N, C-alpha and C. Protein backbone atom coordinates (compact mmCIF):
# COMPACT_ATOMS: atom_id res chain seq x y z
N MET A 1 0.84 -1.06 -0.16
CA MET A 1 -0.12 -0.05 0.00
C MET A 1 0.68 1.50 0.11
N THR A 2 0.41 2.18 -0.62
CA THR A 2 1.33 3.35 -1.03
C THR A 2 0.80 4.68 0.05
N ILE A 3 2.13 5.55 0.18
CA ILE A 3 1.29 6.44 1.58
C ILE A 3 0.88 7.50 0.53
N THR A 4 -0.55 7.76 0.55
CA THR A 4 -1.35 9.25 -0.22
C THR A 4 -2.34 9.44 0.79
N GLU A 5 -3.02 10.48 0.48
CA GLU A 5 -3.80 11.15 1.11
C GLU A 5 -4.83 10.21 1.91
N HIS A 6 -5.27 10.05 3.17
CA HIS A 6 -6.12 10.03 4.10
C HIS A 6 -5.22 7.91 4.30
N LYS A 7 -4.27 7.94 4.17
CA LYS A 7 -3.57 6.76 4.73
C LYS A 7 -3.07 7.14 6.01
N VAL A 8 -3.15 5.97 7.00
CA VAL A 8 -2.50 6.09 8.21
C VAL A 8 -0.99 5.46 8.17
N VAL A 9 -0.04 6.50 8.56
CA VAL A 9 1.22 5.69 8.56
C VAL A 9 1.73 5.69 9.64
N SER A 10 2.52 4.26 10.05
CA SER A 10 3.37 4.06 11.20
C SER A 10 4.98 4.56 10.65
N ILE A 11 5.73 5.59 11.06
CA ILE A 11 7.00 5.31 10.92
C ILE A 11 8.11 5.24 11.62
N HIS A 12 9.27 4.64 12.16
CA HIS A 12 10.21 5.10 13.03
C HIS A 12 11.25 6.02 12.15
N TYR A 13 11.73 7.18 13.25
CA TYR A 13 12.47 8.31 12.78
C TYR A 13 13.41 8.54 13.56
N LYS A 14 14.33 9.51 13.10
CA LYS A 14 15.41 9.83 13.84
C LYS A 14 15.65 11.27 13.27
N VAL A 15 15.70 12.06 13.82
CA VAL A 15 15.77 13.82 13.55
C VAL A 15 16.83 14.14 14.07
N ALA A 16 17.36 14.83 13.27
CA ALA A 16 18.73 15.76 13.88
C ALA A 16 18.97 17.20 13.31
N ASP A 17 19.88 17.60 13.94
CA ASP A 17 19.96 19.31 13.64
C ASP A 17 20.70 19.33 12.28
N ALA A 18 20.58 19.84 11.07
CA ALA A 18 21.40 19.43 9.97
C ALA A 18 22.65 20.01 10.36
N ALA A 19 22.86 21.30 10.93
CA ALA A 19 23.90 21.79 11.14
C ALA A 19 25.18 21.03 11.24
N ASN A 20 24.76 20.42 12.49
CA ASN A 20 26.05 19.66 13.56
C ASN A 20 25.23 18.09 13.87
N ALA A 21 24.47 17.79 13.08
CA ALA A 21 24.46 16.13 13.36
C ALA A 21 23.57 16.06 14.58
N GLU A 22 23.37 16.82 15.49
CA GLU A 22 23.24 16.37 16.67
C GLU A 22 21.56 15.94 16.75
N VAL A 23 21.41 14.69 17.45
CA VAL A 23 19.90 14.16 16.98
C VAL A 23 19.09 14.80 18.22
N ILE A 24 18.17 15.15 17.69
CA ILE A 24 17.18 16.10 18.19
C ILE A 24 15.98 15.11 19.20
N ASP A 25 15.42 14.39 18.46
CA ASP A 25 14.43 13.21 18.65
C ASP A 25 14.22 11.85 18.02
N SER A 26 14.10 10.90 18.30
CA SER A 26 13.96 9.57 18.21
C SER A 26 12.96 8.36 18.20
N SER A 27 12.37 7.44 17.32
CA SER A 27 11.55 6.91 18.19
C SER A 27 12.14 5.31 18.28
N GLU A 28 13.33 5.42 18.06
CA GLU A 28 13.79 4.16 17.97
C GLU A 28 13.61 2.90 19.09
N ASP A 29 13.61 3.75 20.51
CA ASP A 29 13.58 3.08 21.61
C ASP A 29 12.11 2.87 21.85
N GLY A 30 10.94 3.32 21.26
CA GLY A 30 9.92 2.93 21.42
C GLY A 30 9.07 2.80 20.19
N ASP A 31 7.51 3.19 20.48
CA ASP A 31 6.78 2.79 19.30
C ASP A 31 7.23 3.57 17.91
N PRO A 32 6.56 3.19 16.97
CA PRO A 32 6.76 3.87 15.97
C PRO A 32 5.60 5.11 16.03
N MET A 33 6.14 6.34 15.47
CA MET A 33 5.33 7.44 15.34
C MET A 33 4.01 7.07 13.98
N THR A 34 2.77 7.19 14.57
CA THR A 34 1.44 7.05 13.50
C THR A 34 1.07 8.77 13.53
N TYR A 35 0.65 8.77 12.18
CA TYR A 35 -0.21 10.05 11.51
C TYR A 35 -0.90 9.74 10.74
N LEU A 36 -1.82 10.73 9.97
CA LEU A 36 -2.80 10.65 9.30
C LEU A 36 -2.26 11.47 7.91
N HIS A 37 -1.87 11.06 6.66
CA HIS A 37 -1.12 11.55 5.78
C HIS A 37 -2.00 12.60 4.89
N GLY A 38 -1.71 13.52 4.73
CA GLY A 38 -2.36 14.70 4.25
C GLY A 38 -3.37 15.76 5.39
N ALA A 39 -2.97 15.49 6.30
CA ALA A 39 -3.84 16.21 7.27
C ALA A 39 -3.14 17.09 8.48
N GLN A 40 -1.94 17.56 7.45
CA GLN A 40 -1.03 18.52 8.34
C GLN A 40 -0.62 18.00 9.73
N ASN A 41 -0.53 16.76 10.19
CA ASN A 41 -0.02 16.14 11.20
C ASN A 41 1.33 16.41 11.61
N ILE A 42 1.87 16.18 10.59
CA ILE A 42 3.72 16.55 10.64
C ILE A 42 3.82 17.44 9.62
N ILE A 43 5.32 17.90 10.01
CA ILE A 43 5.88 18.88 8.83
C ILE A 43 5.48 18.81 7.90
N PRO A 44 5.20 19.96 6.97
CA PRO A 44 4.91 19.86 5.48
C PRO A 44 6.39 19.27 4.90
N GLY A 45 7.85 19.18 5.18
CA GLY A 45 8.88 18.76 4.10
C GLY A 45 8.65 17.23 4.49
N LEU A 46 8.63 16.92 5.69
CA LEU A 46 8.25 15.53 5.97
C LEU A 46 7.14 14.54 5.24
N GLU A 47 5.98 15.39 5.09
CA GLU A 47 5.26 14.90 4.70
C GLU A 47 5.18 14.64 3.28
N GLN A 48 5.95 15.70 2.67
CA GLN A 48 6.07 15.40 1.14
C GLN A 48 7.02 14.22 0.93
N ALA A 49 8.19 14.49 1.58
CA ALA A 49 9.13 13.34 1.19
C ALA A 49 8.60 11.59 1.42
N LEU A 50 7.54 11.83 2.30
CA LEU A 50 6.78 10.39 2.36
C LEU A 50 5.85 10.12 1.39
N GLU A 51 4.99 10.79 0.90
CA GLU A 51 4.33 10.91 -0.52
C GLU A 51 4.90 9.53 -1.55
N GLY A 52 4.17 8.67 -1.83
CA GLY A 52 4.39 7.78 -2.57
C GLY A 52 5.12 6.54 -2.02
N LYS A 53 5.27 6.63 -0.92
CA LYS A 53 6.49 5.43 -0.31
C LYS A 53 5.33 4.23 -0.10
N VAL A 54 6.17 3.05 0.37
CA VAL A 54 5.58 2.20 0.77
C VAL A 54 6.47 1.40 2.01
N VAL A 55 5.27 0.43 2.50
CA VAL A 55 6.11 -0.01 3.70
C VAL A 55 7.67 -0.69 3.71
N GLY A 56 8.50 -0.21 4.51
CA GLY A 56 9.85 -0.83 4.28
C GLY A 56 10.84 0.06 3.77
N ASP A 57 10.00 1.07 2.98
CA ASP A 57 11.05 2.13 2.53
C ASP A 57 11.96 3.08 3.59
N GLU A 58 13.40 3.00 3.32
CA GLU A 58 13.97 3.99 4.18
C GLU A 58 14.47 5.27 3.32
N LEU A 59 14.31 6.13 4.27
CA LEU A 59 14.81 7.87 3.25
C LEU A 59 15.53 8.52 4.35
N GLU A 60 16.11 9.01 3.90
CA GLU A 60 16.80 10.28 4.38
C GLU A 60 16.62 11.68 3.71
N VAL A 61 15.78 12.77 4.61
CA VAL A 61 15.59 13.73 4.17
C VAL A 61 15.70 15.13 4.71
N THR A 62 16.55 15.94 4.15
CA THR A 62 16.83 17.49 4.87
C THR A 62 15.64 18.37 4.66
N VAL A 63 14.80 18.61 5.97
CA VAL A 63 13.75 19.62 5.51
C VAL A 63 14.23 21.29 6.08
N GLU A 64 14.19 22.21 5.03
CA GLU A 64 14.54 23.73 5.14
C GLU A 64 13.40 23.93 6.26
N PRO A 65 14.17 25.04 7.01
CA PRO A 65 13.06 25.76 8.15
C PRO A 65 11.67 25.83 7.72
N GLN A 66 11.46 26.73 6.28
CA GLN A 66 10.28 27.01 6.12
C GLN A 66 9.49 25.91 6.13
N ASP A 67 9.78 24.73 5.33
CA ASP A 67 9.11 23.31 5.55
C ASP A 67 9.33 22.58 6.85
N ALA A 68 9.54 22.93 7.75
CA ALA A 68 9.66 22.29 9.42
C ALA A 68 8.94 23.30 10.03
N TYR A 69 9.85 23.86 11.11
CA TYR A 69 8.96 24.89 11.90
C TYR A 69 9.10 26.28 12.06
N GLY A 70 9.27 26.60 10.66
CA GLY A 70 9.10 28.06 10.48
C GLY A 70 10.58 28.67 10.48
N GLU A 71 10.59 29.96 9.78
CA GLU A 71 11.85 30.55 10.45
C GLU A 71 11.90 31.33 11.65
N TYR A 72 12.95 31.40 12.05
CA TYR A 72 13.12 31.95 13.26
C TYR A 72 12.84 33.40 13.28
N SER A 73 11.83 34.26 13.85
CA SER A 73 11.51 35.40 13.91
C SER A 73 11.53 36.22 15.06
N GLU A 74 12.58 37.56 14.70
CA GLU A 74 12.53 38.32 16.14
C GLU A 74 11.25 38.78 16.38
N ASP A 75 10.22 38.83 15.65
CA ASP A 75 8.93 39.63 16.03
C ASP A 75 8.13 38.55 17.21
N ARG A 76 8.78 37.44 17.25
CA ARG A 76 7.79 36.30 18.22
C ARG A 76 8.64 36.60 19.40
N ILE A 77 9.30 37.41 20.06
CA ILE A 77 9.88 37.79 21.22
C ILE A 77 9.12 38.83 21.66
N GLN A 78 9.01 38.79 23.18
CA GLN A 78 8.06 39.78 23.77
C GLN A 78 8.73 40.10 24.79
N GLN A 79 8.12 41.17 25.19
CA GLN A 79 8.63 41.68 26.89
C GLN A 79 7.07 41.64 27.21
N VAL A 80 7.03 40.95 28.66
CA VAL A 80 6.07 40.63 29.48
C VAL A 80 6.34 41.60 31.05
N PRO A 81 5.43 42.28 31.61
CA PRO A 81 5.31 42.68 32.68
C PRO A 81 5.03 41.28 33.82
N ILE A 82 6.62 41.53 34.80
CA ILE A 82 6.73 40.18 35.76
C ILE A 82 4.94 40.33 36.02
N ALA A 83 4.24 40.89 36.86
CA ALA A 83 3.12 41.07 37.01
C ALA A 83 2.43 39.74 36.60
N ALA A 84 2.06 39.73 35.50
CA ALA A 84 1.45 38.57 34.74
C ALA A 84 1.94 37.16 35.16
N PHE A 85 3.15 37.03 35.48
CA PHE A 85 3.57 35.52 36.22
C PHE A 85 3.27 35.53 37.75
N ALA A 86 2.40 36.60 38.36
CA ALA A 86 2.82 36.43 39.75
C ALA A 86 1.86 35.13 40.31
N GLU A 87 1.03 34.24 39.32
CA GLU A 87 1.06 33.18 40.01
C GLU A 87 1.88 32.07 40.38
N MET A 88 3.05 32.32 39.60
CA MET A 88 4.15 31.25 39.30
C MET A 88 5.19 31.65 40.54
N GLU A 89 5.62 30.53 41.17
CA GLU A 89 6.59 30.68 42.63
C GLU A 89 7.47 30.85 41.96
N LYS A 90 8.47 30.30 40.98
CA LYS A 90 9.76 31.09 40.37
C LYS A 90 9.42 31.17 39.16
N ILE A 91 10.14 32.37 38.15
CA ILE A 91 10.15 32.32 36.90
C ILE A 91 11.60 32.27 36.53
N GLU A 92 12.33 31.60 36.03
CA GLU A 92 13.71 31.87 35.12
C GLU A 92 14.25 31.43 33.86
N PRO A 93 15.21 32.18 33.44
CA PRO A 93 15.55 31.43 31.90
C PRO A 93 15.33 30.21 31.75
N GLY A 94 14.92 29.70 30.93
CA GLY A 94 14.99 28.39 30.30
C GLY A 94 13.64 27.47 30.41
N MET A 95 12.64 28.25 31.02
CA MET A 95 11.56 27.83 31.72
C MET A 95 10.37 27.68 30.16
N VAL A 96 9.90 26.86 30.37
CA VAL A 96 8.69 27.10 28.94
C VAL A 96 7.29 27.33 30.13
N VAL A 97 6.66 28.35 29.46
CA VAL A 97 5.08 28.83 30.13
C VAL A 97 4.19 28.40 28.64
N THR A 98 3.06 28.47 28.85
CA THR A 98 1.96 28.13 28.12
C THR A 98 0.88 29.61 28.04
N ALA A 99 0.40 29.95 27.31
CA ALA A 99 -0.29 30.94 26.70
C ALA A 99 -1.23 31.11 25.76
N GLN A 100 -2.18 31.90 25.87
CA GLN A 100 -3.26 31.81 25.06
C GLN A 100 -2.95 32.37 23.95
N SER A 101 -3.10 32.51 22.75
CA SER A 101 -2.78 33.34 21.57
C SER A 101 -4.71 33.30 20.88
N GLY A 102 -4.26 34.23 19.74
CA GLY A 102 -5.61 33.82 18.67
C GLY A 102 -5.43 32.47 17.94
N GLU A 103 -4.14 31.92 17.97
CA GLU A 103 -4.22 30.52 17.37
C GLU A 103 -4.50 29.51 18.26
N GLY A 104 -5.03 29.78 19.45
CA GLY A 104 -4.85 28.58 20.70
C GLY A 104 -3.66 28.73 21.39
N GLN A 105 -3.55 27.68 22.25
CA GLN A 105 -2.38 27.51 23.16
C GLN A 105 -1.10 27.49 22.64
N ILE A 106 -0.10 28.63 23.10
CA ILE A 106 1.27 28.06 22.67
C ILE A 106 2.07 28.07 23.82
N ASN A 107 3.44 27.52 23.35
CA ASN A 107 4.18 27.57 24.59
C ASN A 107 5.26 28.80 24.15
N LEU A 108 5.93 29.66 25.00
CA LEU A 108 6.45 30.58 25.36
C LEU A 108 7.90 29.68 26.21
N ILE A 109 8.66 30.43 25.47
CA ILE A 109 10.46 30.31 26.27
C ILE A 109 10.40 31.47 26.72
N VAL A 110 11.02 31.26 28.31
CA VAL A 110 11.39 32.36 28.94
C VAL A 110 13.02 32.72 28.58
N THR A 111 13.28 33.69 28.23
CA THR A 111 14.76 33.70 27.94
C THR A 111 15.55 34.75 29.18
N GLU A 112 14.83 36.03 29.41
CA GLU A 112 15.36 36.76 30.17
C GLU A 112 14.51 37.14 31.19
N VAL A 113 14.96 37.19 32.68
CA VAL A 113 14.02 37.66 33.56
C VAL A 113 14.89 38.81 34.41
N ASP A 114 14.39 40.39 34.76
CA ASP A 114 14.74 41.08 35.31
C ASP A 114 13.54 41.49 36.27
N GLU A 115 13.91 42.79 37.05
CA GLU A 115 12.84 43.46 38.57
C GLU A 115 11.37 43.51 37.85
N THR A 116 11.44 43.47 36.66
CA THR A 116 10.03 44.13 36.20
C THR A 116 9.57 43.58 34.86
N THR A 117 10.53 42.58 34.33
CA THR A 117 10.10 42.31 32.67
C THR A 117 10.88 40.76 32.72
N VAL A 118 9.90 40.36 31.88
CA VAL A 118 10.32 39.02 31.98
C VAL A 118 9.99 38.67 30.34
N THR A 119 10.99 38.34 29.23
CA THR A 119 11.69 38.35 27.84
C THR A 119 11.15 36.92 27.81
N VAL A 120 9.95 36.87 26.52
CA VAL A 120 9.78 35.20 26.02
C VAL A 120 10.00 35.10 24.51
N ASP A 121 9.82 33.96 24.28
CA ASP A 121 10.27 33.80 22.90
C ASP A 121 9.13 32.68 22.27
N ALA A 122 8.34 33.02 21.65
CA ALA A 122 7.27 32.50 21.15
C ALA A 122 7.69 31.61 20.00
N ASN A 123 9.44 31.62 19.36
CA ASN A 123 9.30 30.73 18.46
C ASN A 123 9.39 29.00 18.76
N HIS A 124 9.08 28.34 17.56
CA HIS A 124 9.05 27.13 18.32
C HIS A 124 10.93 26.47 18.29
N PRO A 125 11.01 26.04 19.62
CA PRO A 125 12.58 25.52 19.51
C PRO A 125 13.43 25.29 18.43
N LEU A 126 12.59 24.78 17.43
CA LEU A 126 13.56 24.22 16.40
C LEU A 126 13.38 25.33 14.91
N ALA A 127 12.89 26.13 15.35
CA ALA A 127 12.42 27.37 14.49
C ALA A 127 13.88 27.86 13.78
N GLY A 128 14.09 27.93 12.59
CA GLY A 128 14.84 28.56 11.85
C GLY A 128 16.03 27.40 11.54
N LYS A 129 15.75 25.88 12.01
CA LYS A 129 16.55 24.98 11.67
C LYS A 129 16.46 24.02 10.55
N SER A 130 17.24 23.51 10.17
CA SER A 130 17.23 22.74 8.78
C SER A 130 17.47 21.49 9.68
N LEU A 131 16.68 20.61 9.26
CA LEU A 131 16.34 19.31 10.17
C LEU A 131 16.48 18.44 9.19
N THR A 132 17.73 16.96 9.52
CA THR A 132 17.83 16.11 8.98
C THR A 132 16.54 14.61 9.42
N PHE A 133 16.08 14.12 8.47
CA PHE A 133 15.27 13.29 9.26
C PHE A 133 15.51 11.57 8.80
N ASP A 134 16.10 10.54 9.47
CA ASP A 134 15.95 9.12 9.07
C ASP A 134 14.84 8.43 8.96
N VAL A 135 14.18 8.25 8.03
CA VAL A 135 12.53 7.58 8.19
C VAL A 135 12.75 6.14 7.85
N LYS A 136 12.10 5.27 8.44
CA LYS A 136 12.03 3.86 8.10
C LYS A 136 10.07 3.83 7.76
N VAL A 137 9.69 3.45 6.93
CA VAL A 137 8.36 3.24 6.98
C VAL A 137 7.90 1.73 7.26
N GLN A 138 7.15 1.85 8.62
CA GLN A 138 6.82 0.48 8.94
C GLN A 138 5.15 -0.06 9.06
N ALA A 139 4.34 0.60 8.45
CA ALA A 139 3.26 0.22 8.50
C ALA A 139 2.08 1.61 7.67
N VAL A 140 1.31 1.05 6.81
CA VAL A 140 0.29 1.95 5.77
C VAL A 140 -0.89 1.33 6.05
N ARG A 141 -2.11 1.82 6.45
CA ARG A 141 -3.17 1.52 6.49
C ARG A 141 -4.37 2.33 6.23
N ASP A 142 -5.27 2.10 5.51
CA ASP A 142 -6.21 3.05 5.17
C ASP A 142 -6.90 3.92 6.51
N ALA A 143 -7.30 4.85 6.41
CA ALA A 143 -7.75 5.95 7.82
C ALA A 143 -9.28 5.26 7.60
N SER A 144 -9.98 5.32 8.91
CA SER A 144 -11.17 5.33 8.52
C SER A 144 -12.17 6.60 8.42
N GLU A 145 -13.23 6.59 8.13
CA GLU A 145 -13.90 7.87 8.24
C GLU A 145 -13.84 8.90 9.27
N GLU A 146 -14.01 7.99 10.22
CA GLU A 146 -13.97 9.00 11.35
C GLU A 146 -12.53 9.45 11.67
N GLU A 147 -11.20 8.69 11.43
CA GLU A 147 -10.39 9.61 11.46
C GLU A 147 -9.78 10.75 10.47
N ILE A 148 -10.42 10.39 9.39
CA ILE A 148 -10.51 11.14 8.09
C ILE A 148 -11.20 12.41 8.66
N ALA A 149 -12.33 12.34 9.28
CA ALA A 149 -13.19 13.22 9.82
C ALA A 149 -12.52 14.29 10.55
N HIS A 150 -11.93 13.47 11.56
CA HIS A 150 -11.17 14.25 12.98
C HIS A 150 -9.98 14.98 12.47
N GLY A 151 -9.21 14.39 11.38
CA GLY A 151 -8.14 14.79 11.21
C GLY A 151 -6.77 14.19 11.66
N HIS A 152 -6.63 13.09 12.61
CA HIS A 152 -5.95 12.90 13.03
C HIS A 152 -6.08 11.35 13.49
N VAL A 153 -4.94 10.46 13.63
CA VAL A 153 -5.24 8.89 13.89
C VAL A 153 -5.90 8.93 15.32
N HIS A 154 -6.76 7.96 15.63
CA HIS A 154 -7.45 7.46 16.72
C HIS A 154 -6.73 5.99 17.26
N GLY A 155 -6.74 5.68 18.63
CA GLY A 155 -6.27 4.73 19.18
C GLY A 155 -4.65 4.52 19.08
N ALA A 156 -4.29 3.35 19.25
CA ALA A 156 -2.70 3.14 20.13
C ALA A 156 -1.80 3.69 18.78
N GLY A 157 -0.87 4.34 19.63
CA GLY A 157 0.38 4.70 18.70
C GLY A 157 0.04 6.24 18.13
N GLY A 158 -1.15 6.66 18.17
CA GLY A 158 -1.69 8.19 17.85
C GLY A 158 -1.18 8.88 18.66
N HIS A 159 -0.60 10.12 17.93
CA HIS A 159 -0.34 11.30 18.72
C HIS A 159 -1.52 12.37 18.71
N HIS A 160 -2.17 12.30 19.68
CA HIS A 160 -3.59 13.35 19.76
C HIS A 160 -3.31 14.99 19.97
N HIS A 161 -3.63 15.77 19.32
CA HIS A 161 -3.38 16.75 19.45
C HIS A 161 -4.68 17.47 19.59
N ASP A 162 -4.98 18.16 20.32
CA ASP A 162 -6.33 19.14 20.37
C ASP A 162 -6.51 20.46 19.74
């Protein structure tokens, strides 16, 4: 069975920063990642590379930032009054805080803290990076009508994003 729109695909993958080959994430010690092809469940560059592949195919693909987690944008860095974090016991650089935005919940990385202001960065941690994926296709099946309607995989091995 070939990977096309409305197929549920299971892949084992390893992803590394293309600049220094540092491994960022891997499914090798766990279950494969399962996603619904054609539903933007995974980054566009990887989805495009998997189109037309079959079980057993192995590929290495380098995805540029615009087809991965986007370019790094200075506009996504903002300074917030420290009072906005009053309910938190401590706030320090490196912490990830969630905030509501027009696009739903987003993660912000705290980059700087002083007496009155907290600087947060809404860029994805992998924004601006080219990523190299080593992928092996484990399984391909037809998606159910419900999965297609909901835009994601149901059941075991599916990553559920609200």
